[in-house]
């Protein structure tokens, strides 16, 4: 497990290691979540990415999915809901 303080750091973490799942926010200081998503997918097309947001218009959710997001979770969320979503993401990654 690893954490990153911003989108650029997240991209660097993925460049330097192997991850099953990434969780990113749609809106971050200094970073566009969709752009981070695209960069992460370019580095590892098999990476399963969950996008979170406190407020996201439907077109932003659709764009995230078009760019390869596994799923989307609205903030605030319950940790149990996030854990279930991560479990689904890991299971989906393991399927052929």
N, C-alpha and C. Protein backbone atom coordinates (compact mmCIF):
# COMPACT_ATOMS: atom_id res chain seq x y z
N UNK A 1 0.85 -1.18 0.00
CA UNK A 1 0.00 0.00 0.00
C UNK A 1 0.89 1.23 0.00
N UNK A 2 0.42 2.24 -0.68
CA UNK A 2 1.18 3.48 -0.79
C UNK A 2 0.21 4.65 -0.89
N UNK A 3 0.65 5.80 -0.44
CA UNK A 3 -0.16 7.00 -0.58
C UNK A 3 0.65 8.07 -1.30
N UNK A 4 -0.07 8.98 -1.93
CA UNK A 4 0.57 10.09 -2.63
C UNK A 4 -0.17 11.37 -2.27
N UNK A 5 0.56 12.43 -2.11
CA UNK A 5 -0.02 13.71 -1.71
C UNK A 5 -0.66 14.47 -2.85
N UNK A 6 -0.35 14.07 -4.08
CA UNK A 6 -0.92 14.76 -5.23
C UNK A 6 -0.85 13.84 -6.46
N UNK A 7 -1.41 14.30 -7.55
CA UNK A 7 -1.46 13.50 -8.75
C UNK A 7 -0.10 13.14 -9.32
N UNK A 8 0.81 14.10 -9.33
CA UNK A 8 2.15 13.84 -9.86
C UNK A 8 2.86 12.76 -9.04
N UNK A 9 2.71 12.83 -7.73
CA UNK A 9 3.32 11.80 -6.87
C UNK A 9 2.69 10.43 -7.12
N UNK A 10 1.38 10.40 -7.36
CA UNK A 10 0.70 9.13 -7.63
C UNK A 10 1.22 8.52 -8.92
N UNK A 11 1.40 9.34 -9.94
CA UNK A 11 1.94 8.86 -11.21
C UNK A 11 3.33 8.28 -10.99
N UNK A 12 4.15 8.96 -10.21
CA UNK A 12 5.50 8.47 -9.93
C UNK A 12 5.47 7.15 -9.16
N UNK A 13 4.57 7.03 -8.20
CA UNK A 13 4.43 5.78 -7.43
C UNK A 13 4.11 4.61 -8.36
N UNK A 14 3.21 4.83 -9.30
CA UNK A 14 2.83 3.76 -10.23
C UNK A 14 3.98 3.44 -11.18
N UNK A 15 4.74 4.44 -11.55
CA UNK A 15 5.93 4.19 -12.40
C UNK A 15 6.94 3.31 -11.66
N UNK A 16 7.03 3.49 -10.36
CA UNK A 16 8.06 2.80 -9.57
C UNK A 16 7.61 1.47 -8.97
N UNK A 17 6.35 1.14 -9.06
CA UNK A 17 5.89 -0.08 -8.40
C UNK A 17 4.73 -0.71 -9.13
N UNK A 18 4.28 -1.82 -8.60
CA UNK A 18 3.16 -2.55 -9.18
C UNK A 18 2.00 -2.51 -8.21
N UNK A 19 0.84 -2.09 -8.68
CA UNK A 19 -0.34 -1.95 -7.85
C UNK A 19 -1.52 -2.67 -8.49
N UNK A 20 -2.41 -3.18 -7.67
CA UNK A 20 -3.63 -3.80 -8.17
C UNK A 20 -4.73 -2.77 -8.37
N UNK A 21 -4.83 -1.83 -7.42
CA UNK A 21 -5.92 -0.86 -7.41
C UNK A 21 -5.36 0.51 -7.03
N UNK A 22 -5.89 1.54 -7.68
CA UNK A 22 -5.57 2.92 -7.30
C UNK A 22 -6.88 3.65 -7.01
N UNK A 23 -6.84 4.51 -6.02
CA UNK A 23 -7.98 5.37 -5.67
C UNK A 23 -7.53 6.80 -5.87
N UNK A 24 -8.25 7.53 -6.69
CA UNK A 24 -7.90 8.92 -6.94
C UNK A 24 -9.14 9.79 -6.83
N UNK A 25 -8.91 11.06 -6.55
CA UNK A 25 -10.01 12.01 -6.48
C UNK A 25 -10.18 12.66 -7.84
N UNK A 26 -11.38 13.07 -8.14
CA UNK A 26 -11.65 13.74 -9.40
C UNK A 26 -11.05 15.15 -9.40
N UNK A 27 -11.08 15.81 -8.25
CA UNK A 27 -10.56 17.17 -8.14
C UNK A 27 -9.52 17.21 -7.03
N UNK A 28 -8.30 17.58 -7.41
CA UNK A 28 -7.21 17.68 -6.44
C UNK A 28 -6.48 19.01 -6.66
N UNK A 29 -5.90 19.56 -5.62
CA UNK A 29 -5.11 20.78 -5.83
C UNK A 29 -3.96 20.51 -6.81
N UNK A 30 -3.92 21.29 -7.85
CA UNK A 30 -2.82 21.18 -8.80
C UNK A 30 -2.92 20.03 -9.77
N UNK A 31 -3.97 19.21 -9.67
CA UNK A 31 -4.10 18.05 -10.55
C UNK A 31 -5.54 17.87 -10.98
N UNK A 32 -5.72 17.45 -12.19
CA UNK A 32 -7.02 17.08 -12.70
C UNK A 32 -7.13 15.56 -12.59
N UNK A 33 -8.12 15.06 -11.89
CA UNK A 33 -8.25 13.63 -11.66
C UNK A 33 -8.35 12.82 -12.94
N UNK A 34 -9.01 13.36 -13.95
CA UNK A 34 -9.12 12.65 -15.24
C UNK A 34 -7.74 12.54 -15.88
N UNK A 35 -6.96 13.59 -15.81
CA UNK A 35 -5.61 13.54 -16.39
C UNK A 35 -4.73 12.54 -15.63
N UNK A 36 -4.85 12.52 -14.32
CA UNK A 36 -4.10 11.54 -13.52
C UNK A 36 -4.54 10.12 -13.91
N UNK A 37 -5.83 9.92 -14.04
CA UNK A 37 -6.36 8.62 -14.46
C UNK A 37 -5.74 8.21 -15.80
N UNK A 38 -5.73 9.12 -16.77
CA UNK A 38 -5.16 8.81 -18.08
C UNK A 38 -3.67 8.46 -17.99
N UNK A 39 -2.95 9.19 -17.18
CA UNK A 39 -1.51 8.92 -17.02
C UNK A 39 -1.27 7.57 -16.35
N UNK A 40 -2.07 7.26 -15.34
CA UNK A 40 -1.92 5.97 -14.66
C UNK A 40 -2.22 4.82 -15.62
N UNK A 41 -3.27 4.96 -16.42
CA UNK A 41 -3.62 3.92 -17.39
C UNK A 41 -2.55 3.78 -18.47
N UNK A 42 -1.91 4.88 -18.82
CA UNK A 42 -0.84 4.82 -19.83
C UNK A 42 0.36 4.03 -19.29
N UNK A 43 0.63 4.17 -18.01
CA UNK A 43 1.73 3.44 -17.39
C UNK A 43 1.37 1.98 -17.22
N UNK A 44 0.16 1.71 -16.72
CA UNK A 44 -0.28 0.34 -16.46
C UNK A 44 -1.72 0.19 -16.90
N UNK A 45 -1.94 -0.24 -18.15
CA UNK A 45 -3.30 -0.38 -18.66
C UNK A 45 -4.17 -1.34 -17.86
N UNK A 46 -3.55 -2.24 -17.10
CA UNK A 46 -4.31 -3.21 -16.31
C UNK A 46 -4.67 -2.69 -14.92
N UNK A 47 -4.14 -1.53 -14.55
CA UNK A 47 -4.42 -0.97 -13.23
C UNK A 47 -5.91 -0.68 -13.08
N UNK A 48 -6.49 -1.12 -11.99
CA UNK A 48 -7.90 -0.88 -11.70
C UNK A 48 -7.97 0.40 -10.88
N UNK A 49 -8.72 1.38 -11.41
CA UNK A 49 -8.75 2.71 -10.78
C UNK A 49 -10.17 3.06 -10.36
N UNK A 50 -10.28 3.46 -9.10
CA UNK A 50 -11.54 3.94 -8.53
C UNK A 50 -11.40 5.45 -8.38
N UNK A 51 -12.42 6.16 -8.83
CA UNK A 51 -12.41 7.63 -8.75
C UNK A 51 -13.42 8.06 -7.70
N UNK A 52 -13.01 8.98 -6.85
CA UNK A 52 -13.89 9.53 -5.81
C UNK A 52 -14.11 11.01 -6.05
N UNK A 53 -15.25 11.50 -5.58
CA UNK A 53 -15.51 12.94 -5.67
C UNK A 53 -16.62 13.33 -4.71
N UNK A 54 -16.51 14.54 -4.19
CA UNK A 54 -17.56 15.09 -3.34
C UNK A 54 -18.72 15.61 -4.15
N UNK A 55 -18.44 16.03 -5.36
CA UNK A 55 -19.48 16.49 -6.27
C UNK A 55 -18.97 16.29 -7.69
N UNK A 56 -19.67 15.51 -8.43
CA UNK A 56 -19.26 15.29 -9.82
C UNK A 56 -20.49 15.28 -10.71
N UNK A 57 -20.49 16.14 -11.71
CA UNK A 57 -21.60 16.09 -12.66
C UNK A 57 -21.57 14.78 -13.43
N UNK A 58 -22.70 14.33 -13.91
CA UNK A 58 -22.76 13.05 -14.63
C UNK A 58 -21.77 12.95 -15.78
N UNK A 59 -21.52 14.05 -16.46
CA UNK A 59 -20.57 14.00 -17.59
C UNK A 59 -19.14 13.73 -17.12
N UNK A 60 -18.80 14.16 -15.92
CA UNK A 60 -17.46 13.87 -15.38
C UNK A 60 -17.33 12.40 -15.03
N UNK A 61 -18.39 11.84 -14.48
CA UNK A 61 -18.39 10.41 -14.16
C UNK A 61 -18.27 9.60 -15.45
N UNK A 62 -19.03 9.97 -16.46
CA UNK A 62 -18.96 9.27 -17.75
C UNK A 62 -17.58 9.39 -18.37
N UNK A 63 -16.98 10.57 -18.29
CA UNK A 63 -15.63 10.74 -18.86
C UNK A 63 -14.62 9.87 -18.13
N UNK A 64 -14.73 9.79 -16.81
CA UNK A 64 -13.83 8.94 -16.04
C UNK A 64 -13.97 7.48 -16.48
N UNK A 65 -15.18 7.04 -16.69
CA UNK A 65 -15.41 5.66 -17.14
C UNK A 65 -14.85 5.46 -18.55
N UNK A 66 -15.04 6.45 -19.41
CA UNK A 66 -14.50 6.36 -20.78
C UNK A 66 -12.99 6.26 -20.77
N UNK A 67 -12.36 6.89 -19.80
CA UNK A 67 -10.90 6.88 -19.71
C UNK A 67 -10.37 5.65 -18.98
N UNK A 68 -11.28 4.78 -18.55
CA UNK A 68 -10.84 3.51 -17.98
C UNK A 68 -11.05 3.32 -16.49
N UNK A 69 -11.78 4.23 -15.84
CA UNK A 69 -12.05 4.05 -14.42
C UNK A 69 -12.89 2.80 -14.22
N UNK A 70 -12.56 2.03 -13.20
CA UNK A 70 -13.33 0.83 -12.86
C UNK A 70 -14.70 1.22 -12.31
N UNK A 71 -14.70 2.19 -11.39
CA UNK A 71 -15.95 2.63 -10.78
C UNK A 71 -15.73 3.99 -10.15
N UNK A 72 -16.81 4.52 -9.62
CA UNK A 72 -16.84 5.85 -9.05
C UNK A 72 -17.50 5.77 -7.69
N UNK A 73 -16.99 6.50 -6.71
CA UNK A 73 -17.61 6.53 -5.38
C UNK A 73 -17.76 7.98 -4.95
N UNK A 74 -18.95 8.28 -4.44
CA UNK A 74 -19.23 9.64 -3.99
C UNK A 74 -18.77 9.84 -2.56
N UNK A 75 -18.18 11.01 -2.29
CA UNK A 75 -17.79 11.39 -0.94
C UNK A 75 -18.92 12.22 -0.34
N UNK A 76 -19.14 12.15 0.93
CA UNK A 76 -18.46 11.25 1.87
C UNK A 76 -18.97 9.83 1.68
N UNK A 77 -18.10 8.87 1.91
CA UNK A 77 -18.49 7.47 1.79
C UNK A 77 -18.14 6.76 3.09
N UNK A 78 -18.81 5.66 3.30
CA UNK A 78 -18.52 4.81 4.45
C UNK A 78 -17.32 3.94 4.10
N UNK A 79 -16.43 3.74 5.04
CA UNK A 79 -15.23 2.93 4.79
C UNK A 79 -15.61 1.52 4.35
N UNK A 80 -16.70 0.99 4.89
CA UNK A 80 -17.15 -0.34 4.48
C UNK A 80 -17.54 -0.39 3.01
N UNK A 81 -18.16 0.68 2.53
CA UNK A 81 -18.53 0.74 1.11
C UNK A 81 -17.29 0.80 0.24
N UNK A 82 -16.29 1.56 0.67
CA UNK A 82 -15.05 1.63 -0.09
C UNK A 82 -14.35 0.27 -0.09
N UNK A 83 -14.33 -0.40 1.04
CA UNK A 83 -13.70 -1.73 1.12
C UNK A 83 -14.38 -2.72 0.19
N UNK A 84 -15.71 -2.69 0.13
CA UNK A 84 -16.44 -3.57 -0.78
C UNK A 84 -16.09 -3.25 -2.24
N UNK A 85 -15.99 -1.98 -2.55
CA UNK A 85 -15.64 -1.57 -3.91
C UNK A 85 -14.22 -2.02 -4.26
N UNK A 86 -13.30 -1.89 -3.33
CA UNK A 86 -11.93 -2.34 -3.57
C UNK A 86 -11.90 -3.85 -3.75
N UNK A 87 -12.66 -4.58 -2.95
CA UNK A 87 -12.74 -6.03 -3.12
C UNK A 87 -13.24 -6.40 -4.51
N UNK A 88 -14.28 -5.70 -4.98
CA UNK A 88 -14.78 -5.94 -6.34
C UNK A 88 -13.74 -5.62 -7.39
N UNK A 89 -12.99 -4.55 -7.18
CA UNK A 89 -11.96 -4.14 -8.14
C UNK A 89 -10.86 -5.19 -8.21
N UNK A 90 -10.44 -5.70 -7.07
CA UNK A 90 -9.39 -6.73 -7.04
C UNK A 90 -9.90 -8.00 -7.71
N UNK A 91 -11.14 -8.39 -7.42
CA UNK A 91 -11.71 -9.60 -8.03
C UNK A 91 -11.81 -9.44 -9.53
N UNK A 92 -12.20 -8.27 -9.99
CA UNK A 92 -12.32 -8.03 -11.44
C UNK A 92 -10.95 -8.08 -12.10
N UNK A 93 -9.94 -7.64 -11.44
CA UNK A 93 -8.58 -7.66 -11.99
C UNK A 93 -8.07 -9.08 -12.16
N UNK A 94 -8.50 -9.96 -11.27
CA UNK A 94 -8.02 -11.35 -11.31
C UNK A 94 -8.73 -12.19 -12.36
N UNK A 95 -9.89 -11.71 -12.85
CA UNK A 95 -10.62 -12.47 -13.85
C UNK A 95 -9.90 -12.37 -15.19
N UNK A 96 -9.92 -13.48 -15.97
CA UNK A 96 -9.25 -13.44 -17.27
C UNK A 96 -9.93 -12.53 -18.27
